[in-house]
Amino acid sequence: MRFFCDLHIHSALSPCGDMDMTPNNIVGMSALKGLDFIAITDHNSVGNARALIEVSKNFPVTVIPGMELETAEEAHFVCLFKTIEDAENFYSWSSKFFSGIKNREDIFGQQAFMDENDEIVGFEEQMLVSALTCSIYDAVPEVKKCGGIIIPAHVDKSSYSIISNLGMIPDDLGFKTVEISKNTDVEHVTQKFPYLKEKRIITSSDSHYLGDIYEKEGAVDLEEKSIDALFEFLKGE
Protein backbone atom coordinates (compact mmCIF):
# COMPACT_ATOMS: atom_id res chain seq x y z
CA MET A 1 0.00 0.00 0.00
CA ARG A 2 1.13 3.54 -0.71
CA PHE A 3 1.42 6.08 2.08
CA PHE A 4 2.56 9.70 2.10
CA CYS A 5 5.16 11.12 4.45
CA ASP A 6 6.93 14.28 5.47
CA LEU A 7 9.67 13.24 7.87
CA HIS A 8 11.37 16.59 8.49
CA ILE A 9 9.14 19.26 10.06
CA HIS A 10 10.06 21.97 12.57
CA SER A 11 7.81 23.41 15.25
CA ALA A 12 7.96 26.76 17.04
CA LEU A 13 10.63 25.23 19.27
CA SER A 14 13.14 25.68 16.45
CA PRO A 15 14.18 29.35 16.44
CA CYS A 16 13.84 29.41 12.66
CA GLY A 17 10.35 27.92 12.93
CA ASP A 18 7.36 30.22 12.60
CA MET A 19 5.30 30.69 15.77
CA ASP A 20 2.31 29.38 13.82
CA MET A 21 4.05 25.98 13.82
CA THR A 22 2.04 24.80 16.82
CA PRO A 23 1.12 21.17 17.56
CA ASN A 24 -2.50 21.53 16.37
CA ASN A 25 -1.59 23.59 13.31
CA ILE A 26 1.09 21.15 12.20
CA VAL A 27 -1.01 18.03 12.64
CA GLY A 28 -4.15 19.65 11.25
CA MET A 29 -2.36 20.97 8.16
CA SER A 30 -0.72 17.58 7.59
CA ALA A 31 -4.14 15.92 7.71
CA LEU A 32 -5.57 18.46 5.27
CA LYS A 33 -2.71 17.74 2.90
CA GLY A 34 -3.39 14.00 3.01
CA LEU A 35 -0.26 12.89 4.85
CA ASP A 36 -0.16 9.56 6.65
CA PHE A 37 3.11 10.01 8.56
CA ILE A 38 4.96 13.09 9.74
CA ALA A 39 8.04 13.49 11.91
CA ILE A 40 8.63 16.42 14.21
CA THR A 41 12.34 17.19 13.98
CA ASP A 42 13.30 20.34 15.84
CA HIS A 43 16.92 21.37 16.05
CA ASN A 44 18.71 19.36 18.75
CA SER A 45 15.51 18.91 20.78
CA VAL A 46 12.43 16.71 21.09
CA GLY A 47 10.63 19.10 23.44
CA ASN A 48 7.41 19.51 21.42
CA ALA A 49 7.13 15.95 20.15
CA ARG A 50 5.00 14.69 23.04
CA ALA A 51 2.38 17.41 22.44
CA LEU A 52 2.17 16.62 18.72
CA ILE A 53 1.70 12.93 19.44
CA GLU A 54 -1.13 13.76 21.83
CA VAL A 55 -2.80 15.99 19.23
CA SER A 56 -2.46 13.32 16.53
CA LYS A 57 -4.81 11.00 18.45
CA ASN A 58 -7.65 13.05 16.96
CA PHE A 59 -6.33 12.94 13.39
CA PRO A 60 -5.52 10.25 10.79
CA VAL A 61 -1.84 11.25 10.92
CA THR A 62 0.87 9.24 12.67
CA VAL A 63 3.45 11.50 14.35
CA ILE A 64 6.98 10.15 14.68
CA PRO A 65 9.10 11.78 17.39
CA GLY A 66 12.43 12.94 16.11
CA MET A 67 15.19 15.50 16.09
CA GLU A 68 17.36 17.30 13.55
CA LEU A 69 20.72 16.67 15.15
CA GLU A 70 23.71 18.89 14.37
CA THR A 71 26.95 17.16 15.27
CA ALA A 72 30.41 18.63 15.84
CA GLU A 73 31.04 18.24 12.10
CA GLU A 74 28.33 20.90 11.59
CA ALA A 75 26.33 18.37 9.59
CA HIS A 76 22.61 17.76 10.07
CA PHE A 77 20.96 14.38 10.62
CA VAL A 78 17.30 13.42 10.94
CA CYS A 79 16.93 11.11 13.94
CA LEU A 80 13.62 9.23 14.19
CA PHE A 81 12.31 7.09 17.05
CA LYS A 82 9.43 4.70 17.49
CA THR A 83 8.28 6.11 20.82
CA ILE A 84 8.47 9.41 22.63
CA GLU A 85 10.30 7.65 25.46
CA ASP A 86 13.04 6.52 23.06
CA ALA A 87 13.30 10.05 21.68
CA GLU A 88 13.55 11.56 25.14
CA ASN A 89 16.19 9.02 26.14
CA PHE A 90 18.29 10.09 23.17
CA TYR A 91 17.78 13.75 24.08
CA SER A 92 18.98 13.01 27.62
CA TRP A 93 22.21 11.77 26.08
CA SER A 94 22.62 14.45 23.39
CA SER A 95 21.80 17.39 25.67
CA LYS A 96 25.06 16.78 27.51
CA PHE A 97 26.83 18.05 24.39
CA PHE A 98 25.24 21.50 24.13
CA SER A 99 27.78 24.21 23.41
CA GLY A 100 26.60 26.31 26.35
CA ILE A 101 25.68 29.25 24.10
CA LYS A 102 22.46 30.92 25.18
CA ASN A 103 19.77 31.80 22.66
CA ARG A 104 19.42 35.40 21.55
CA GLU A 105 15.72 35.84 20.85
CA ASP A 106 16.34 39.25 19.28
CA ILE A 107 18.57 37.60 16.67
CA PHE A 108 17.41 34.00 16.29
CA GLY A 109 13.82 34.12 17.52
CA GLN A 110 11.97 32.39 20.33
CA GLN A 111 12.27 28.69 21.09
CA ALA A 112 8.84 27.85 22.47
CA PHE A 113 7.72 24.72 24.28
CA MET A 114 4.01 24.13 23.68
CA ASP A 115 1.38 21.80 25.07
CA GLU A 116 -1.39 19.95 23.23
CA ASN A 117 -3.59 23.06 23.44
CA ASP A 118 -0.96 25.19 21.66
CA GLU A 119 -0.27 27.08 24.87
CA ILE A 120 3.32 28.20 25.41
CA VAL A 121 4.58 26.50 28.56
CA GLY A 122 8.20 27.70 28.48
CA PHE A 123 11.18 28.66 26.38
CA GLU A 124 14.44 26.84 25.67
CA GLU A 125 17.43 28.89 26.83
CA GLN A 126 20.13 26.93 25.00
CA MET A 127 20.68 28.05 21.42
CA LEU A 128 19.37 25.10 19.47
CA VAL A 129 20.79 26.12 16.07
CA SER A 130 24.32 25.40 17.21
CA ALA A 131 26.43 22.31 16.71
CA LEU A 132 26.67 19.89 19.60
CA THR A 133 30.14 18.80 20.67
CA CYS A 134 29.54 15.10 19.93
CA SER A 135 30.71 13.65 16.63
CA ILE A 136 28.61 11.68 14.21
CA TYR A 137 30.60 8.62 15.31
CA ASP A 138 29.33 9.21 18.84
CA ALA A 139 25.74 9.79 17.74
CA VAL A 140 25.12 6.87 15.38
CA PRO A 141 25.51 4.09 17.97
CA GLU A 142 23.53 6.08 20.54
CA VAL A 143 20.58 6.54 18.16
CA LYS A 144 20.60 2.81 17.47
CA LYS A 145 20.86 2.07 21.19
CA CYS A 146 17.66 4.08 21.65
CA GLY A 147 15.92 2.08 18.92
CA GLY A 148 16.05 4.89 16.38
CA ILE A 149 17.14 5.52 12.81
CA ILE A 150 19.57 8.25 11.79
CA ILE A 151 19.43 9.69 8.28
CA PRO A 152 21.85 12.22 6.73
CA ALA A 153 19.74 15.32 6.09
CA HIS A 154 19.52 17.30 2.83
CA VAL A 155 22.72 15.73 1.47
CA ASP A 156 22.54 17.81 -1.72
CA LYS A 157 22.95 21.11 0.12
CA SER A 158 26.22 23.04 0.05
CA SER A 159 26.15 23.59 3.81
CA TYR A 160 25.14 21.63 6.91
CA SER A 161 25.20 18.31 5.07
CA ILE A 162 27.49 15.34 5.57
CA ILE A 163 28.70 15.51 1.97
CA SER A 164 29.44 19.24 2.00
CA ASN A 165 31.34 19.00 5.27
CA LEU A 166 33.04 15.60 5.01
CA GLY A 167 33.17 15.33 1.23
CA MET A 168 31.49 11.92 1.30
CA ILE A 169 29.28 9.58 3.28
CA PRO A 170 31.64 7.26 5.18
CA ASP A 171 30.78 3.60 4.58
CA ASP A 172 31.57 2.61 8.15
CA LEU A 173 28.63 4.62 9.49
CA GLY A 174 26.21 2.19 7.84
CA PHE A 175 23.71 4.67 6.41
CA LYS A 176 21.12 2.92 4.23
CA THR A 177 18.84 5.92 3.63
CA VAL A 178 19.63 9.56 2.89
CA GLU A 179 17.42 12.62 2.59
CA ILE A 180 17.53 15.13 -0.25
CA SER A 181 16.00 18.58 -0.13
CA LYS A 182 12.94 19.72 -2.04
CA ASN A 183 15.27 21.81 -4.25
CA THR A 184 16.49 18.81 -6.23
CA ASP A 185 15.38 15.34 -7.34
CA VAL A 186 16.78 11.84 -7.38
CA GLU A 187 17.99 12.03 -10.97
CA HIS A 188 20.03 15.18 -10.43
CA VAL A 189 21.49 14.17 -7.09
CA THR A 190 22.58 10.73 -8.32
CA GLN A 191 24.19 12.28 -11.37
CA LYS A 192 26.24 14.50 -9.09
CA PHE A 193 26.90 11.78 -6.50
CA PRO A 194 26.65 8.41 -8.29
CA TYR A 195 27.33 6.40 -5.13
CA LEU A 196 23.96 7.54 -3.78
CA LYS A 197 22.32 5.12 -6.23
CA GLU A 198 23.18 2.46 -3.64
CA LYS A 199 21.11 4.25 -0.97
CA ARG A 200 17.41 4.58 -0.38
CA ILE A 201 16.65 8.24 -1.11
CA ILE A 202 13.78 10.12 0.51
CA THR A 203 12.73 13.74 0.24
CA SER A 204 11.17 15.87 2.97
CA SER A 205 10.02 19.44 3.27
CA ASP A 206 12.27 20.63 6.13
CA SER A 207 9.35 22.98 6.71
CA HIS A 208 9.50 25.91 9.10
CA TYR A 209 6.16 27.35 7.90
CA LEU A 210 2.76 25.67 7.62
CA GLY A 211 2.46 26.27 3.90
CA ASP A 212 5.73 24.43 3.26
CA ILE A 213 4.58 21.11 4.70
CA TYR A 214 4.48 18.54 1.92
CA GLU A 215 1.30 17.42 0.27
CA LYS A 216 1.24 13.98 -1.34
CA GLU A 217 4.85 14.18 -2.51
CA GLY A 218 6.89 11.79 -0.40
CA ALA A 219 5.40 8.35 -1.13
CA VAL A 220 6.43 5.07 0.45
CA ASP A 221 5.14 1.57 -0.22
CA LEU A 222 4.50 -0.37 2.98
CA GLU A 223 2.64 -3.55 3.89
CA GLU A 224 0.68 -1.66 6.53
CA LYS A 225 0.35 1.76 8.11
CA SER A 226 2.60 1.38 11.11
CA ILE A 227 5.78 2.92 12.47
CA ASP A 228 7.39 -0.53 12.46
CA ALA A 229 6.71 -0.94 8.74
CA LEU A 230 8.02 2.56 8.00
CA PHE A 231 11.20 1.91 9.97
CA GLU A 232 11.83 -1.33 8.07
CA PHE A 233 11.49 0.67 4.86
CA LEU A 234 13.93 3.32 6.07
CA LYS A 235 16.39 0.63 7.13
CA GLY A 236 16.50 -0.40 3.48
CA GLU A 237 14.85 -3.74 4.16
C-alpha atoms as a PDB file:
ATOM      1  CA  MET A   1       0.000   0.000   0.000  1.00  0.00           C
ATOM      2  CA  ARG A   2       1.131   3.536  -0.715  1.00  0.00           C
ATOM      3  CA  PHE A   3       1.421   6.078   2.084  1.00  0.00           C
ATOM      4  CA  PHE A   4       2.561   9.698   2.105  1.00  0.00           C
ATOM      5  CA  CYS A   5       5.156  11.117   4.451  1.00  0.00           C
ATOM      6  CA  ASP A   6       6.932  14.282   5.474  1.00  0.00           C
ATOM      7  CA  LEU A   7       9.674  13.235   7.871  1.00  0.00           C
ATOM      8  CA  HIS A   8      11.368  16.588   8.493  1.00  0.00           C
ATOM      9  CA  ILE A   9       9.142  19.257  10.059  1.00  0.00           C
ATOM     10  CA  HIS A  10      10.062  21.969  12.573  1.00  0.00           C
ATOM     11  CA  SER A  11       7.812  23.408  15.249  1.00  0.00           C
ATOM     12  CA  ALA A  12       7.960  26.758  17.036  1.00  0.00           C
ATOM     13  CA  LEU A  13      10.634  25.227  19.266  1.00  0.00           C
ATOM     14  CA  SER A  14      13.139  25.676  16.453  1.00  0.00           C
ATOM     15  CA  PRO A  15      14.184  29.350  16.442  1.00  0.00           C
ATOM     16  CA  CYS A  16      13.844  29.408  12.665  1.00  0.00           C
ATOM     17  CA  GLY A  17      10.349  27.923  12.934  1.00  0.00           C
ATOM     18  CA  ASP A  18       7.362  30.218  12.605  1.00  0.00           C
ATOM     19  CA  MET A  19       5.305  30.695  15.770  1.00  0.00           C
ATOM     20  CA  ASP A  20       2.309  29.379  13.820  1.00  0.00           C
ATOM     21  CA  MET A  21       4.053  25.976  13.824  1.00  0.00           C
ATOM     22  CA  THR A  22       2.040  24.805  16.822  1.00  0.00           C
ATOM     23  CA  PRO A  23       1.118  21.174  17.556  1.00  0.00           C
ATOM     24  CA  ASN A  24      -2.496  21.535  16.375  1.00  0.00           C
ATOM     25  CA  ASN A  25      -1.588  23.588  13.313  1.00  0.00           C
ATOM     26  CA  ILE A  26       1.092  21.146  12.197  1.00  0.00           C
ATOM     27  CA  VAL A  27      -1.014  18.025  12.637  1.00  0.00           C
ATOM     28  CA  GLY A  28      -4.147  19.653  11.246  1.00  0.00           C
ATOM     29  CA  MET A  29      -2.363  20.969   8.162  1.00  0.00           C
ATOM     30  CA  SER A  30      -0.725  17.581   7.588  1.00  0.00           C
ATOM     31  CA  ALA A  31      -4.144  15.924   7.714  1.00  0.00           C
ATOM     32  CA  LEU A  32      -5.570  18.465   5.271  1.00  0.00           C
ATOM     33  CA  LYS A  33      -2.712  17.742   2.902  1.00  0.00           C
ATOM     34  CA  GLY A  34      -3.390  14.002   3.008  1.00  0.00           C
ATOM     35  CA  LEU A  35      -0.264  12.886   4.848  1.00  0.00           C
ATOM     36  CA  ASP A  36      -0.155   9.556   6.648  1.00  0.00           C
ATOM     37  CA  PHE A  37       3.113  10.005   8.560  1.00  0.00           C
ATOM     38  CA  ILE A  38       4.957  13.089   9.739  1.00  0.00           C
ATOM     39  CA  ALA A  39       8.038  13.488  11.908  1.00  0.00           C
ATOM     40  CA  ILE A  40       8.627  16.423  14.209  1.00  0.00           C
ATOM     41  CA  THR A  41      12.340  17.191  13.985  1.00  0.00           C
ATOM     42  CA  ASP A  42      13.299  20.338  15.844  1.00  0.00           C
ATOM     43  CA  HIS A  43      16.923  21.371  16.047  1.00  0.00           C
ATOM     44  CA  ASN A  44      18.708  19.356  18.746  1.00  0.00           C
ATOM     45  CA  SER A  45      15.509  18.912  20.782  1.00  0.00           C
ATOM     46  CA  VAL A  46      12.425  16.713  21.094  1.00  0.00           C
ATOM     47  CA  GLY A  47      10.628  19.099  23.436  1.00  0.00           C
ATOM     48  CA  ASN A  48       7.413  19.510  21.419  1.00  0.00           C
ATOM     49  CA  ALA A  49       7.125  15.948  20.150  1.00  0.00           C
ATOM     50  CA  ARG A  50       5.003  14.690  23.042  1.00  0.00           C
ATOM     51  CA  ALA A  51       2.379  17.409  22.438  1.00  0.00           C
ATOM     52  CA  LEU A  52       2.173  16.616  18.716  1.00  0.00           C
ATOM     53  CA  ILE A  53       1.704  12.929  19.440  1.00  0.00           C
ATOM     54  CA  GLU A  54      -1.131  13.759  21.826  1.00  0.00           C
ATOM     55  CA  VAL A  55      -2.800  15.990  19.232  1.00  0.00           C
ATOM     56  CA  SER A  56      -2.460  13.324  16.526  1.00  0.00           C
ATOM     57  CA  LYS A  57      -4.805  11.004  18.447  1.00  0.00           C
ATOM     58  CA  ASN A  58      -7.655  13.050  16.955  1.00  0.00           C
ATOM     59  CA  PHE A  59      -6.329  12.939  13.389  1.00  0.00           C
ATOM     60  CA  PRO A  60      -5.517  10.246  10.792  1.00  0.00           C
ATOM     61  CA  VAL A  61      -1.843  11.251  10.921  1.00  0.00           C
ATOM     62  CA  THR A  62       0.873   9.244  12.674  1.00  0.00           C
ATOM     63  CA  VAL A  63       3.449  11.496  14.347  1.00  0.00           C
ATOM     64  CA  ILE A  64       6.979  10.152  14.685  1.00  0.00           C
ATOM     65  CA  PRO A  65       9.098  11.778  17.394  1.00  0.00           C
ATOM     66  CA  GLY A  66      12.435  12.940  16.106  1.00  0.00           C
ATOM     67  CA  MET A  67      15.190  15.501  16.094  1.00  0.00           C
ATOM     68  CA  GLU A  68      17.355  17.298  13.554  1.00  0.00           C
ATOM     69  CA  LEU A  69      20.724  16.671  15.149  1.00  0.00           C
ATOM     70  CA  GLU A  70      23.709  18.891  14.375  1.00  0.00           C
ATOM     71  CA  THR A  71      26.951  17.159  15.269  1.00  0.00           C
ATOM     72  CA  ALA A  72      30.406  18.629  15.836  1.00  0.00           C
ATOM     73  CA  GLU A  73      31.041  18.239  12.096  1.00  0.00           C
ATOM     74  CA  GLU A  74      28.328  20.899  11.587  1.00  0.00           C
ATOM     75  CA  ALA A  75      26.328  18.370   9.594  1.00  0.00           C
ATOM     76  CA  HIS A  76      22.606  17.764  10.066  1.00  0.00           C
ATOM     77  CA  PHE A  77      20.963  14.380  10.617  1.00  0.00           C
ATOM     78  CA  VAL A  78      17.299  13.417  10.945  1.00  0.00           C
ATOM     79  CA  CYS A  79      16.929  11.112  13.936  1.00  0.00           C
ATOM     80  CA  LEU A  80      13.622   9.225  14.191  1.00  0.00           C
ATOM     81  CA  PHE A  81      12.308   7.095  17.050  1.00  0.00           C
ATOM     82  CA  LYS A  82       9.427   4.695  17.489  1.00  0.00           C
ATOM     83  CA  THR A  83       8.283   6.110  20.821  1.00  0.00           C
ATOM     84  CA  ILE A  84       8.474   9.407  22.632  1.00  0.00           C
ATOM     85  CA  GLU A  85      10.304   7.653  25.463  1.00  0.00           C
ATOM     86  CA  ASP A  86      13.036   6.523  23.057  1.00  0.00           C
ATOM     87  CA  ALA A  87      13.301  10.054  21.676  1.00  0.00           C
ATOM     88  CA  GLU A  88      13.549  11.557  25.141  1.00  0.00           C
ATOM     89  CA  ASN A  89      16.189   9.015  26.135  1.00  0.00           C
ATOM     90  CA  PHE A  90      18.287  10.089  23.168  1.00  0.00           C
ATOM     91  CA  TYR A  91      17.782  13.747  24.076  1.00  0.00           C
ATOM     92  CA  SER A  92      18.976  13.009  27.625  1.00  0.00           C
ATOM     93  CA  TRP A  93      22.213  11.774  26.077  1.00  0.00           C
ATOM     94  CA  SER A  94      22.616  14.449  23.388  1.00  0.00           C
ATOM     95  CA  SER A  95      21.802  17.389  25.668  1.00  0.00           C
ATOM     96  CA  LYS A  96      25.055  16.777  27.510  1.00  0.00           C
ATOM     97  CA  PHE A  97      26.831  18.052  24.391  1.00  0.00           C
ATOM     98  CA  PHE A  98      25.243  21.496  24.133  1.00  0.00           C
ATOM     99  CA  SER A  99      27.781  24.211  23.412  1.00  0.00           C
ATOM    100  CA  GLY A 100      26.601  26.315  26.348  1.00  0.00           C
ATOM    101  CA  ILE A 101      25.684  29.247  24.103  1.00  0.00           C
ATOM    102  CA  LYS A 102      22.460  30.918  25.183  1.00  0.00           C
ATOM    103  CA  ASN A 103      19.774  31.797  22.659  1.00  0.00           C
ATOM    104  CA  ARG A 104      19.415  35.402  21.553  1.00  0.00           C
ATOM    105  CA  GLU A 105      15.717  35.845  20.850  1.00  0.00           C
ATOM    106  CA  ASP A 106      16.341  39.246  19.281  1.00  0.00           C
ATOM    107  CA  ILE A 107      18.567  37.598  16.671  1.00  0.00           C
ATOM    108  CA  PHE A 108      17.407  34.000  16.285  1.00  0.00           C
ATOM    109  CA  GLY A 109      13.823  34.122  17.517  1.00  0.00           C
ATOM    110  CA  GLN A 110      11.973  32.388  20.327  1.00  0.00           C
ATOM    111  CA  GLN A 111      12.270  28.689  21.086  1.00  0.00           C
ATOM    112  CA  ALA A 112       8.835  27.849  22.474  1.00  0.00           C
ATOM    113  CA  PHE A 113       7.724  24.719  24.284  1.00  0.00           C
ATOM    114  CA  MET A 114       4.013  24.126  23.678  1.00  0.00           C
ATOM    115  CA  ASP A 115       1.381  21.801  25.068  1.00  0.00           C
ATOM    116  CA  GLU A 116      -1.390  19.947  23.231  1.00  0.00           C
ATOM    117  CA  ASN A 117      -3.587  23.055  23.438  1.00  0.00           C
ATOM    118  CA  ASP A 118      -0.962  25.186  21.656  1.00  0.00           C
ATOM    119  CA  GLU A 119      -0.273  27.077  24.868  1.00  0.00           C
ATOM    120  CA  ILE A 120       3.324  28.199  25.413  1.00  0.00           C
ATOM    121  CA  VAL A 121       4.582  26.496  28.558  1.00  0.00           C
ATOM    122  CA  GLY A 122       8.197  27.699  28.476  1.00  0.00           C
ATOM    123  CA  PHE A 123      11.180  28.656  26.379  1.00  0.00           C
ATOM    124  CA  GLU A 124      14.439  26.840  25.665  1.00  0.00           C
ATOM    125  CA  GLU A 125      17.428  28.885  26.828  1.00  0.00           C
ATOM    126  CA  GLN A 126      20.127  26.927  25.001  1.00  0.00           C
ATOM    127  CA  MET A 127      20.678  28.050  21.424  1.00  0.00           C
ATOM    128  CA  LEU A 128      19.368  25.096  19.466  1.00  0.00           C
ATOM    129  CA  VAL A 129      20.793  26.117  16.072  1.00  0.00           C
ATOM    130  CA  SER A 130      24.321  25.399  17.206  1.00  0.00           C
ATOM    131  CA  ALA A 131      26.432  22.305  16.710  1.00  0.00           C
ATOM    132  CA  LEU A 132      26.675  19.886  19.597  1.00  0.00           C
ATOM    133  CA  THR A 133      30.136  18.802  20.668  1.00  0.00           C
ATOM    134  CA  CYS A 134      29.543  15.098  19.930  1.00  0.00           C
ATOM    135  CA  SER A 135      30.712  13.645  16.628  1.00  0.00           C
ATOM    136  CA  ILE A 136      28.607  11.677  14.214  1.00  0.00           C
ATOM    137  CA  TYR A 137      30.604   8.623  15.309  1.00  0.00           C
ATOM    138  CA  ASP A 138      29.331   9.211  18.837  1.00  0.00           C
ATOM    139  CA  ALA A 139      25.738   9.791  17.738  1.00  0.00           C
ATOM    140  CA  VAL A 140      25.119   6.866  15.384  1.00  0.00           C
ATOM    141  CA  PRO A 141      25.513   4.091  17.969  1.00  0.00           C
ATOM    142  CA  GLU A 142      23.526   6.077  20.538  1.00  0.00           C
ATOM    143  CA  VAL A 143      20.576   6.544  18.163  1.00  0.00           C
ATOM    144  CA  LYS A 144      20.597   2.811  17.467  1.00  0.00           C
ATOM    145  CA  LYS A 145      20.863   2.071  21.193  1.00  0.00           C
ATOM    146  CA  CYS A 146      17.658   4.083  21.653  1.00  0.00           C
ATOM    147  CA  GLY A 147      15.921   2.080  18.921  1.00  0.00           C
ATOM    148  CA  GLY A 148      16.055   4.887  16.383  1.00  0.00           C
ATOM    149  CA  ILE A 149      17.136   5.522  12.814  1.00  0.00           C
ATOM    150  CA  ILE A 150      19.570   8.252  11.793  1.00  0.00           C
ATOM    151  CA  ILE A 151      19.434   9.685   8.277  1.00  0.00           C
ATOM    152  CA  PRO A 152      21.847  12.220   6.733  1.00  0.00           C
ATOM    153  CA  ALA A 153      19.739  15.320   6.086  1.00  0.00           C
ATOM    154  CA  HIS A 154      19.524  17.305   2.834  1.00  0.00           C
ATOM    155  CA  VAL A 155      22.721  15.728   1.473  1.00  0.00           C
ATOM    156  CA  ASP A 156      22.539  17.813  -1.720  1.00  0.00           C
ATOM    157  CA  LYS A 157      22.954  21.114   0.116  1.00  0.00           C
ATOM    158  CA  SER A 158      26.218  23.044   0.049  1.00  0.00           C
ATOM    159  CA  SER A 159      26.148  23.587   3.807  1.00  0.00           C
ATOM    160  CA  TYR A 160      25.144  21.632   6.906  1.00  0.00           C
ATOM    161  CA  SER A 161      25.196  18.305   5.070  1.00  0.00           C
ATOM    162  CA  ILE A 162      27.485  15.344   5.573  1.00  0.00           C
ATOM    163  CA  ILE A 163      28.701  15.510   1.967  1.00  0.00           C
ATOM    164  CA  SER A 164      29.440  19.237   1.995  1.00  0.00           C
ATOM    165  CA  ASN A 165      31.337  19.004   5.274  1.00  0.00           C
ATOM    166  CA  LEU A 166      33.039  15.602   5.007  1.00  0.00           C
ATOM    167  CA  GLY A 167      33.172  15.328   1.227  1.00  0.00           C
ATOM    168  CA  MET A 168      31.488  11.917   1.295  1.00  0.00           C
ATOM    169  CA  ILE A 169      29.277   9.580   3.279  1.00  0.00           C
ATOM    170  CA  PRO A 170      31.639   7.260   5.185  1.00  0.00           C
ATOM    171  CA  ASP A 171      30.778   3.604   4.581  1.00  0.00           C
ATOM    172  CA  ASP A 172      31.568   2.610   8.151  1.00  0.00           C
ATOM    173  CA  LEU A 173      28.626   4.617   9.491  1.00  0.00           C
ATOM    174  CA  GLY A 174      26.213   2.193   7.836  1.00  0.00           C
ATOM    175  CA  PHE A 175      23.714   4.672   6.411  1.00  0.00           C
ATOM    176  CA  LYS A 176      21.120   2.919   4.229  1.00  0.00           C
ATOM    177  CA  THR A 177      18.844   5.923   3.635  1.00  0.00           C
ATOM    178  CA  VAL A 178      19.633   9.562   2.886  1.00  0.00           C
ATOM    179  CA  GLU A 179      17.422  12.616   2.588  1.00  0.00           C
ATOM    180  CA  ILE A 180      17.529  15.125  -0.250  1.00  0.00           C
ATOM    181  CA  SER A 181      16.002  18.581  -0.130  1.00  0.00           C
ATOM    182  CA  LYS A 182      12.944  19.720  -2.045  1.00  0.00           C
ATOM    183  CA  ASN A 183      15.267  21.813  -4.247  1.00  0.00           C
ATOM    184  CA  THR A 184      16.488  18.806  -6.228  1.00  0.00           C
ATOM    185  CA  ASP A 185      15.378  15.344  -7.342  1.00  0.00           C
ATOM    186  CA  VAL A 186      16.778  11.835  -7.379  1.00  0.00           C
ATOM    187  CA  GLU A 187      17.989  12.033 -10.972  1.00  0.00           C
ATOM    188  CA  HIS A 188      20.025  15.183 -10.432  1.00  0.00           C
ATOM    189  CA  VAL A 189      21.485  14.174  -7.093  1.00  0.00           C
ATOM    190  CA  THR A 190      22.577  10.734  -8.320  1.00  0.00           C
ATOM    191  CA  GLN A 191      24.191  12.282 -11.375  1.00  0.00           C
ATOM    192  CA  LYS A 192      26.240  14.496  -9.090  1.00  0.00           C
ATOM    193  CA  PHE A 193      26.903  11.781  -6.499  1.00  0.00           C
ATOM    194  CA  PRO A 194      26.645   8.410  -8.294  1.00  0.00           C
ATOM    195  CA  TYR A 195      27.331   6.404  -5.131  1.00  0.00           C
ATOM    196  CA  LEU A 196      23.957   7.539  -3.785  1.00  0.00           C
ATOM    197  CA  LYS A 197      22.325   5.117  -6.228  1.00  0.00           C
ATOM    198  CA  GLU A 198      23.180   2.459  -3.640  1.00  0.00           C
ATOM    199  CA  LYS A 199      21.110   4.255  -0.971  1.00  0.00           C
ATOM    200  CA  ARG A 200      17.412   4.582  -0.381  1.00  0.00           C
ATOM    201  CA  ILE A 201      16.647   8.241  -1.113  1.00  0.00           C
ATOM    202  CA  ILE A 202      13.784  10.116   0.508  1.00  0.00           C
ATOM    203  CA  THR A 203      12.728  13.737   0.241  1.00  0.00           C
ATOM    204  CA  SER A 204      11.174  15.870   2.968  1.00  0.00           C
ATOM    205  CA  SER A 205      10.021  19.445   3.270  1.00  0.00           C
ATOM    206  CA  ASP A 206      12.270  20.633   6.131  1.00  0.00           C
ATOM    207  CA  SER A 207       9.348  22.981   6.706  1.00  0.00           C
ATOM    208  CA  HIS A 208       9.496  25.913   9.100  1.00  0.00           C
ATOM    209  CA  TYR A 209       6.160  27.346   7.904  1.00  0.00           C
ATOM    210  CA  LEU A 210       2.761  25.671   7.624  1.00  0.00           C
ATOM    211  CA  GLY A 211       2.461  26.271   3.904  1.00  0.00           C
ATOM    212  CA  ASP A 212       5.732  24.430   3.260  1.00  0.00           C
ATOM    213  CA  ILE A 213       4.583  21.110   4.698  1.00  0.00           C
ATOM    214  CA  TYR A 214       4.483  18.539   1.920  1.00  0.00           C
ATOM    215  CA  GLU A 215       1.303  17.417   0.271  1.00  0.00           C
ATOM    216  CA  LYS A 216       1.237  13.980  -1.345  1.00  0.00           C
ATOM    217  CA  GLU A 217       4.850  14.183  -2.513  1.00  0.00           C
ATOM    218  CA  GLY A 218       6.893  11.791  -0.401  1.00  0.00           C
ATOM    219  CA  ALA A 219       5.399   8.354  -1.135  1.00  0.00           C
ATOM    220  CA  VAL A 220       6.426   5.069   0.446  1.00  0.00           C
ATOM    221  CA  ASP A 221       5.137   1.566  -0.223  1.00  0.00           C
ATOM    222  CA  LEU A 222       4.504  -0.370   2.984  1.00  0.00           C
ATOM    223  CA  GLU A 223       2.638  -3.550   3.888  1.00  0.00           C
ATOM    224  CA  GLU A 224       0.677  -1.658   6.529  1.00  0.00           C
ATOM    225  CA  LYS A 225       0.354   1.762   8.108  1.00  0.00           C
ATOM    226  CA  SER A 226       2.601   1.375  11.112  1.00  0.00           C
ATOM    227  CA  ILE A 227       5.777   2.917  12.472  1.00  0.00           C
ATOM    228  CA  ASP A 228       7.385  -0.532  12.464  1.00  0.00           C
ATOM    229  CA  ALA A 229       6.707  -0.937   8.735  1.00  0.00           C
ATOM    230  CA  LEU A 230       8.019   2.562   8.001  1.00  0.00           C
ATOM    231  CA  PHE A 231      11.203   1.909   9.973  1.00  0.00           C
ATOM    232  CA  GLU A 232      11.830  -1.329   8.073  1.00  0.00           C
ATOM    233  CA  PHE A 233      11.491   0.673   4.861  1.00  0.00           C
ATOM    234  CA  LEU A 234      13.931   3.317   6.075  1.00  0.00           C
ATOM    235  CA  LYS A 235      16.388   0.628   7.129  1.00  0.00           C
ATOM    236  CA  GLY A 236      16.496  -0.404   3.483  1.00  0.00           C
ATOM    237  CA  GLU A 237      14.847  -3.744   4.157  1.00  0.00           C
END
